């Protein structure tokens, strides 16, 4: 039902709920009068609807005006009293006024934000100009950063280190030195063992 962009105040919500209830009663009553031929068809066509507090306020004004313009015809056929029309118009005025004050406050806030941003931009540009002049005059000393530090120091995002790929070399485990260097011969159990060579250990025998 509510079309405003910001959260309404509790006072405006209360006014809107009261206005919505009163609008419903008046629309129902006028619809009955139309069905009985006391009011013309389409008399409610100019109502704005319930989308927004301002529309509710305007509809209350419109409904009250319908009653007043046709009062001589419907005075003894309607459940709405003349004093209620005064109350309805007073309520409609409160709703429309509250919405107007709210919209004005939102506009002032937006304007203040724009002014603040514009002032900050002017300041940044002026500071950069001053810093450029100091840098030129103190180019030999190279101390511009100590006189007029950059406003952007610390705002530059540092590059993230690449994630570890899992290829970190591991420290090799030292192998303890062996104390016995005796050579051993491995015998294949599937082949017969060779006979020992005795050519040098035994004398040569002629037949």
Protein backbone atom coordinates (compact mmCIF):
# COMPACT_ATOMS: atom_id res chain seq x y z
CA UNK A 1 0.00 0.00 0.00
CA UNK A 2 2.76 2.37 0.84
CA UNK A 3 4.86 3.68 -2.02
CA UNK A 4 7.34 5.91 -0.16
CA UNK A 5 11.01 5.04 -0.46
CA UNK A 6 12.01 5.59 3.17
CA UNK A 7 10.61 4.22 6.39
CA UNK A 8 7.66 6.37 7.57
CA UNK A 9 7.45 7.71 11.10
CA UNK A 10 5.09 6.04 13.62
CA UNK A 11 2.90 9.18 13.60
CA UNK A 12 2.47 9.01 9.83
CA UNK A 13 1.74 5.28 10.01
CA UNK A 14 -1.02 5.94 12.57
CA UNK A 15 -2.52 8.70 10.42
CA UNK A 16 -2.34 6.48 7.35
CA UNK A 17 -4.08 3.56 9.09
CA UNK A 18 -6.87 5.84 10.32
CA UNK A 19 -7.24 7.40 6.89
CA UNK A 20 -7.35 3.97 5.22
CA UNK A 21 -10.13 2.79 7.53
CA UNK A 22 -12.18 5.96 6.97
CA UNK A 23 -11.66 5.75 3.21
CA UNK A 24 -12.94 2.16 3.16
CA UNK A 25 -16.13 3.13 4.99
CA UNK A 26 -16.84 6.07 2.72
CA UNK A 27 -16.12 4.17 -0.51
CA UNK A 28 -18.43 1.32 0.60
CA UNK A 29 -21.20 3.76 1.52
CA UNK A 30 -20.97 5.71 -1.74
CA UNK A 31 -20.96 2.46 -3.74
CA UNK A 32 -24.24 1.51 -2.06
CA UNK A 33 -25.71 4.92 -2.91
CA UNK A 34 -24.66 4.45 -6.53
CA UNK A 35 -26.29 1.01 -6.66
CA UNK A 36 -29.55 2.55 -5.39
CA UNK A 37 -29.46 5.20 -8.07
CA UNK A 38 -28.87 8.13 -5.72
CA UNK A 39 -25.42 8.90 -7.14
CA UNK A 40 -24.25 8.60 -10.73
CA UNK A 41 -22.12 5.77 -12.02
CA UNK A 42 -18.36 6.36 -12.12
CA UNK A 43 -18.42 8.95 -9.35
CA UNK A 44 -15.50 7.14 -7.69
CA UNK A 45 -13.41 6.94 -10.86
CA UNK A 46 -11.21 9.91 -9.91
CA UNK A 47 -9.92 8.34 -6.71
CA UNK A 48 -6.16 7.84 -6.71
CA UNK A 49 -6.07 4.56 -4.84
CA UNK A 50 -4.25 3.34 -1.75
CA UNK A 51 -0.69 3.26 -3.08
CA UNK A 52 0.93 5.80 -0.78
CA UNK A 53 -0.13 7.97 2.14
CA UNK A 54 -0.48 11.04 -0.05
CA UNK A 55 -3.00 9.27 -2.27
CA UNK A 56 -5.03 8.28 0.77
CA UNK A 57 -5.12 11.90 1.91
CA UNK A 58 -6.21 13.14 -1.53
CA UNK A 59 -8.92 10.46 -1.72
CA UNK A 60 -10.33 11.56 1.63
CA UNK A 61 -10.63 15.09 0.29
CA UNK A 62 -12.33 13.75 -2.86
CA UNK A 63 -14.76 11.56 -0.94
CA UNK A 64 -15.72 14.37 1.41
CA UNK A 65 -16.35 16.60 -1.59
CA UNK A 66 -18.70 13.98 -3.12
CA UNK A 67 -20.77 13.95 0.06
CA UNK A 68 -20.95 17.73 0.29
CA UNK A 69 -21.97 18.22 -3.34
CA UNK A 70 -24.74 15.62 -3.08
CA UNK A 71 -25.75 16.12 0.53
CA UNK A 72 -29.31 17.24 -0.18
CA UNK A 73 -29.92 14.00 -2.08
CA UNK A 74 -28.22 11.52 0.24
CA UNK A 75 -28.51 13.17 3.69
CA UNK A 76 -31.21 10.76 4.91
CA UNK A 77 -29.83 7.75 3.03
CA UNK A 78 -26.22 7.66 4.19
CA UNK A 79 -24.63 6.46 7.41
CA UNK A 80 -22.03 9.25 7.25
CA UNK A 81 -22.76 12.37 9.29
CA UNK A 82 -21.89 15.94 8.33
CA UNK A 83 -19.57 16.35 11.31
CA UNK A 84 -17.66 13.31 10.09
CA UNK A 85 -16.89 15.12 6.87
CA UNK A 86 -15.14 17.85 8.85
CA UNK A 87 -13.14 15.20 10.69
CA UNK A 88 -12.30 13.49 7.42
CA UNK A 89 -10.96 16.68 5.87
CA UNK A 90 -8.94 17.46 8.98
CA UNK A 91 -7.42 13.96 8.87
CA UNK A 92 -6.66 14.29 5.16
CA UNK A 93 -4.91 17.61 5.79
CA UNK A 94 -2.74 16.05 8.52
CA UNK A 95 -1.76 13.16 6.26
CA UNK A 96 -0.84 15.33 3.28
CA UNK A 97 1.08 17.76 5.51
CA UNK A 98 3.04 14.96 7.19
CA UNK A 99 3.94 13.46 3.81
CA UNK A 100 5.03 16.89 2.51
CA UNK A 101 7.29 17.47 5.52
CA UNK A 102 8.79 14.04 5.09
CA UNK A 103 9.51 14.59 1.40
CA UNK A 104 11.05 17.98 2.16
CA UNK A 105 13.31 16.45 4.82
CA UNK A 106 14.44 13.76 2.36
CA UNK A 107 15.18 16.39 -0.27
CA UNK A 108 17.19 18.48 2.19
CA UNK A 109 19.20 15.42 3.18
CA UNK A 110 19.95 14.62 -0.45
CA UNK A 111 21.01 18.21 -1.14
CA UNK A 112 23.28 18.24 1.91
CA UNK A 113 24.91 15.01 0.73
CA UNK A 114 25.55 16.46 -2.73
CA UNK A 115 27.01 19.66 -1.23
CA UNK A 116 29.31 17.66 1.02
CA UNK A 117 30.55 15.55 -1.87
CA UNK A 118 31.13 18.65 -4.02
CA UNK A 119 33.09 20.35 -1.22
CA UNK A 120 35.24 17.27 -0.72
CA UNK A 121 36.01 17.12 -4.45
CA UNK A 122 37.07 20.78 -4.45
CA UNK A 123 39.31 20.15 -1.44
CA UNK A 124 40.97 17.13 -3.04
CA UNK A 125 41.69 19.00 -6.28
CA UNK A 126 43.09 22.02 -4.44
CA UNK A 127 45.30 19.85 -2.23
CA UNK A 128 46.69 18.04 -5.26
CA UNK A 129 47.56 21.36 -6.87
CA UNK A 130 49.35 22.57 -3.74
CA UNK A 131 51.21 19.30 -3.45
CA UNK A 132 52.35 19.57 -7.07
CA UNK A 133 53.75 23.07 -6.45
CA UNK A 134 55.59 21.94 -3.32
CA UNK A 135 56.98 18.95 -5.18
CA UNK A 136 58.34 21.26 -7.89
CA UNK A 137 59.86 23.76 -5.43
CA UNK A 138 61.38 21.02 -3.26
CA UNK A 139 62.38 18.69 -6.07
CA UNK A 140 66.04 18.73 -5.03
CA UNK A 141 65.30 18.02 -1.40
CA UNK A 142 62.70 15.36 -2.28
CA UNK A 143 60.76 15.95 0.92
CA UNK A 144 57.29 16.69 -0.49
CA UNK A 145 55.79 13.73 1.36
CA UNK A 146 56.91 15.10 4.71
CA UNK A 147 55.48 18.56 3.97
CA UNK A 148 52.28 17.56 2.19
CA UNK A 149 51.65 13.83 2.57
CA UNK A 150 49.59 12.12 -0.06
CA UNK A 151 45.96 11.65 0.87
CA UNK A 152 45.97 8.25 -0.74
CA UNK A 153 48.70 6.66 1.37
CA UNK A 154 47.48 3.37 2.73
CA UNK A 155 44.52 3.19 0.35
CA UNK A 156 46.29 1.31 -2.40
CA UNK A 157 45.32 -2.32 -2.20
CA UNK A 158 48.32 -4.60 -1.86
CA UNK A 159 48.57 -7.56 -4.17
CA UNK A 160 47.84 -10.81 -2.50
CA UNK A 161 50.53 -13.42 -2.51
CA UNK A 162 49.69 -16.38 -4.72
CA UNK A 163 48.27 -19.27 -2.86
CA UNK A 164 50.62 -22.15 -2.13
CA UNK A 165 50.44 -24.70 -4.91
CA UNK A 166 51.38 -27.58 -2.65
CA UNK A 167 54.82 -27.99 -4.28
CA UNK A 168 56.79 -26.79 -1.27
CA UNK A 169 60.08 -28.70 -1.30
CA UNK A 170 60.55 -30.86 1.73
CA UNK A 171 63.81 -31.15 3.61
CA UNK A 172 65.50 -34.45 2.68
CA UNK A 173 66.01 -36.89 5.51
CA UNK A 174 69.74 -37.57 5.98
CA UNK A 175 70.82 -41.20 5.56
CA UNK A 176 73.25 -42.37 8.27
CA UNK A 177 76.58 -43.59 6.89
CA UNK A 178 77.16 -47.36 6.92
CA UNK A 179 80.08 -48.67 8.92
CA UNK A 180 80.45 -52.03 7.12
CA UNK A 181 81.20 -51.75 3.39
CA UNK A 182 81.46 -55.54 2.85
CA UNK A 183 80.21 -56.53 -0.62
CA UNK A 184 77.66 -59.30 -0.63
CA UNK A 185 76.59 -61.38 -3.59
CA UNK A 186 72.94 -62.00 -4.03
CA UNK A 187 72.20 -65.50 -5.22
CA UNK A 188 69.27 -66.08 -7.48
CA UNK A 189 67.55 -69.18 -6.10
CA UNK A 190 66.26 -70.08 -9.58
CA UNK A 191 69.75 -70.67 -11.07
CA UNK A 192 72.33 -73.19 -9.90
CA UNK A 193 75.31 -71.89 -8.09
CA UNK A 194 78.55 -71.70 -10.07
CA UNK A 195 81.47 -73.88 -9.05
CA UNK A 196 84.25 -72.13 -7.33
CA UNK A 197 87.22 -71.17 -9.55
CA UNK A 198 90.23 -73.22 -8.33
CA UNK A 199 92.60 -72.50 -11.19
CA UNK A 200 94.82 -70.42 -8.99
CA UNK A 201 94.42 -72.37 -5.77
CA UNK A 202 95.17 -75.89 -7.13
CA UNK A 203 98.09 -77.05 -9.38
CA UNK A 204 97.42 -77.84 -13.04
CA UNK A 205 97.07 -81.61 -13.58
CA UNK A 206 97.98 -83.21 -16.95
CA UNK A 207 96.27 -86.45 -17.88
